[in-house]
Each structure stands twice: as structure tokens, then as C-alpha cells.
């Protein structure tokens, strides 16, 4: 199982804490429709959040 999948459905605050505990150096929280850069960054976890809940996550 991909370890990132466990973040989906979590409240954003809990997901950020868990990510830090798991060693993610950078956690980027993204609101719906937010513009983002597409450069890949090792050690960054992206969390797409709607209404305070993680809907999607990916590395980079």
C-alpha cells in the first residue's frame, strides 16, 4: 500500500502532524483551484484539501 493514501479522508491538521512524524520535510496544503508550481521537490508532500479534509495527496 502506498503510504500517502492513508492521508486521504483525514482532517488537514492531523495529516500535517502525521506527515511530520513520518519524516516529510515539506508539507504543502492546497485549497481547491489554488494555483501551484509544477516543479518536483524531493521530500515534499502535497495535500489537496477541501473543507478541512484531505482529498488527494502526492509526493513532489
N, C-alpha and C. Protein backbone atom coordinates (compact mmCIF):
# COMPACT_ATOMS: atom_id res chain seq x y z
N UNK A 1 0.85 -1.20 0.00
CA UNK A 1 0.00 0.00 0.00
C UNK A 1 0.88 1.24 0.00
N UNK A 2 0.51 2.22 -0.78
CA UNK A 2 1.23 3.48 -0.84
C UNK A 2 0.97 4.24 0.46
N UNK A 3 2.04 4.62 1.16
CA UNK A 3 1.87 5.28 2.46
C UNK A 3 1.13 6.61 2.36
N UNK A 4 1.12 7.25 1.19
CA UNK A 4 0.44 8.53 1.05
C UNK A 4 -1.08 8.37 1.08
N UNK A 5 -1.58 7.22 0.70
CA UNK A 5 -3.03 7.02 0.63
C UNK A 5 -3.68 7.19 2.00
N UNK A 6 -2.98 6.88 3.07
CA UNK A 6 -3.57 6.97 4.40
C UNK A 6 -3.96 8.39 4.79
N UNK A 7 -3.47 9.40 4.11
CA UNK A 7 -3.82 10.78 4.42
C UNK A 7 -5.22 11.15 3.92
N UNK A 8 -5.67 10.49 2.87
CA UNK A 8 -6.97 10.82 2.29
C UNK A 8 -8.08 10.56 3.32
N UNK A 9 -8.92 11.57 3.51
CA UNK A 9 -10.02 11.47 4.46
C UNK A 9 -9.70 12.02 5.84
N UNK A 10 -8.44 12.34 6.07
CA UNK A 10 -8.03 12.86 7.38
C UNK A 10 -8.27 14.37 7.47
N UNK A 11 -8.54 14.88 8.67
CA UNK A 11 -8.54 16.34 8.85
C UNK A 11 -7.14 16.86 8.54
N UNK A 12 -7.05 18.02 7.95
CA UNK A 12 -5.77 18.55 7.49
C UNK A 12 -4.76 18.69 8.62
N UNK A 13 -5.17 19.12 9.79
CA UNK A 13 -4.25 19.29 10.91
C UNK A 13 -3.62 17.96 11.30
N UNK A 14 -4.43 16.91 11.37
CA UNK A 14 -3.92 15.58 11.72
C UNK A 14 -2.99 15.06 10.63
N UNK A 15 -3.31 15.32 9.37
CA UNK A 15 -2.47 14.88 8.26
C UNK A 15 -1.11 15.57 8.30
N UNK A 16 -1.11 16.86 8.61
CA UNK A 16 0.16 17.59 8.70
C UNK A 16 1.03 17.05 9.83
N UNK A 17 0.43 16.75 10.97
CA UNK A 17 1.17 16.20 12.10
C UNK A 17 1.74 14.83 11.75
N UNK A 18 0.92 13.97 11.14
CA UNK A 18 1.37 12.64 10.75
C UNK A 18 2.50 12.72 9.73
N UNK A 19 2.39 13.61 8.78
CA UNK A 19 3.43 13.77 7.76
C UNK A 19 4.76 14.15 8.42
N UNK A 20 4.71 15.07 9.36
CA UNK A 20 5.93 15.47 10.07
C UNK A 20 6.52 14.29 10.83
N UNK A 21 5.68 13.51 11.48
CA UNK A 21 6.13 12.33 12.22
C UNK A 21 6.77 11.31 11.28
N UNK A 22 6.26 11.21 10.05
CA UNK A 22 6.77 10.25 9.08
C UNK A 22 7.99 10.77 8.33
N UNK A 23 8.43 11.99 8.64
CA UNK A 23 9.66 12.49 8.08
C UNK A 23 9.56 13.37 6.85
N UNK A 24 8.35 13.77 6.47
CA UNK A 24 8.23 14.68 5.33
C UNK A 24 8.82 16.02 5.71
N UNK A 25 9.71 16.54 4.89
CA UNK A 25 10.39 17.80 5.18
C UNK A 25 9.50 19.00 4.90
N UNK A 26 8.70 18.90 3.84
CA UNK A 26 7.81 20.00 3.45
C UNK A 26 6.42 19.42 3.22
N UNK A 27 5.41 20.02 3.80
CA UNK A 27 4.02 19.64 3.56
C UNK A 27 3.31 20.87 3.00
N UNK A 28 2.81 20.73 1.78
CA UNK A 28 2.13 21.86 1.12
C UNK A 28 0.64 21.56 1.09
N UNK A 29 -0.15 22.44 1.70
CA UNK A 29 -1.60 22.30 1.74
C UNK A 29 -2.18 23.17 0.63
N UNK A 30 -3.01 22.56 -0.20
CA UNK A 30 -3.57 23.23 -1.36
C UNK A 30 -5.08 23.27 -1.31
N UNK A 31 -5.63 24.46 -1.46
CA UNK A 31 -7.09 24.63 -1.49
C UNK A 31 -7.60 24.34 -2.91
N UNK A 32 -8.89 24.04 -3.05
CA UNK A 32 -9.45 23.78 -4.38
C UNK A 32 -9.19 24.95 -5.32
N UNK A 33 -8.69 24.66 -6.51
CA UNK A 33 -8.46 25.69 -7.51
C UNK A 33 -7.22 26.54 -7.31
N UNK A 34 -6.47 26.27 -6.26
CA UNK A 34 -5.26 27.06 -5.98
C UNK A 34 -4.21 26.80 -7.06
N UNK A 35 -3.58 27.86 -7.52
CA UNK A 35 -2.51 27.72 -8.50
C UNK A 35 -1.25 27.23 -7.81
N UNK A 36 -0.57 26.27 -8.46
CA UNK A 36 0.65 25.72 -7.87
C UNK A 36 1.74 25.66 -8.94
N UNK A 37 2.97 25.62 -8.46
CA UNK A 37 4.08 25.39 -9.37
C UNK A 37 4.20 23.89 -9.57
N UNK A 38 4.76 23.48 -10.69
CA UNK A 38 4.83 22.06 -11.00
C UNK A 38 6.23 21.48 -10.85
N UNK A 39 7.15 22.24 -10.28
CA UNK A 39 8.49 21.68 -10.10
C UNK A 39 8.44 20.57 -9.05
N UNK A 40 9.23 19.55 -9.28
CA UNK A 40 9.30 18.42 -8.37
C UNK A 40 10.29 18.73 -7.26
N UNK A 41 9.87 18.52 -6.02
CA UNK A 41 10.76 18.74 -4.88
C UNK A 41 10.79 17.49 -4.04
N UNK A 42 11.96 16.89 -3.94
CA UNK A 42 12.14 15.71 -3.11
C UNK A 42 11.81 16.07 -1.66
N UNK A 43 11.10 15.19 -0.99
CA UNK A 43 10.78 15.42 0.41
C UNK A 43 9.56 16.28 0.66
N UNK A 44 8.81 16.62 -0.42
CA UNK A 44 7.60 17.44 -0.24
C UNK A 44 6.37 16.56 -0.44
N UNK A 45 5.42 16.71 0.46
CA UNK A 45 4.12 16.06 0.35
C UNK A 45 3.08 17.13 0.08
N UNK A 46 2.32 16.95 -0.98
CA UNK A 46 1.25 17.87 -1.32
C UNK A 46 -0.08 17.29 -0.85
N UNK A 47 -0.86 18.11 -0.18
CA UNK A 47 -2.18 17.69 0.30
C UNK A 47 -3.23 18.61 -0.31
N UNK A 48 -4.10 18.04 -1.14
CA UNK A 48 -5.23 18.80 -1.69
C UNK A 48 -6.36 18.69 -0.67
N UNK A 49 -6.83 19.83 -0.18
CA UNK A 49 -7.77 19.87 0.93
C UNK A 49 -9.05 20.62 0.54
N UNK A 50 -10.18 20.05 0.93
CA UNK A 50 -11.47 20.72 0.74
C UNK A 50 -12.23 20.61 2.07
N UNK A 51 -12.71 21.75 2.54
CA UNK A 51 -13.47 21.79 3.80
C UNK A 51 -12.72 21.15 4.96
N UNK A 52 -11.39 21.36 4.98
CA UNK A 52 -10.58 20.88 6.09
C UNK A 52 -10.23 19.40 6.06
N UNK A 53 -10.54 18.71 4.95
CA UNK A 53 -10.29 17.27 4.84
C UNK A 53 -9.43 17.00 3.60
N UNK A 54 -8.45 16.13 3.74
CA UNK A 54 -7.56 15.78 2.64
C UNK A 54 -8.33 14.94 1.62
N UNK A 55 -8.34 15.40 0.36
CA UNK A 55 -8.99 14.68 -0.73
C UNK A 55 -8.01 13.90 -1.60
N UNK A 56 -6.77 14.40 -1.66
CA UNK A 56 -5.75 13.79 -2.53
C UNK A 56 -4.39 14.16 -1.98
N UNK A 57 -3.41 13.29 -2.21
CA UNK A 57 -2.06 13.62 -1.82
C UNK A 57 -1.07 13.00 -2.81
N UNK A 58 0.09 13.67 -2.94
CA UNK A 58 1.13 13.16 -3.82
C UNK A 58 2.47 13.75 -3.40
N UNK A 59 3.52 13.04 -3.77
CA UNK A 59 4.87 13.48 -3.47
C UNK A 59 5.38 14.41 -4.54
N UNK A 60 6.22 15.34 -4.15
CA UNK A 60 6.87 16.21 -5.12
C UNK A 60 6.43 17.58 -4.99
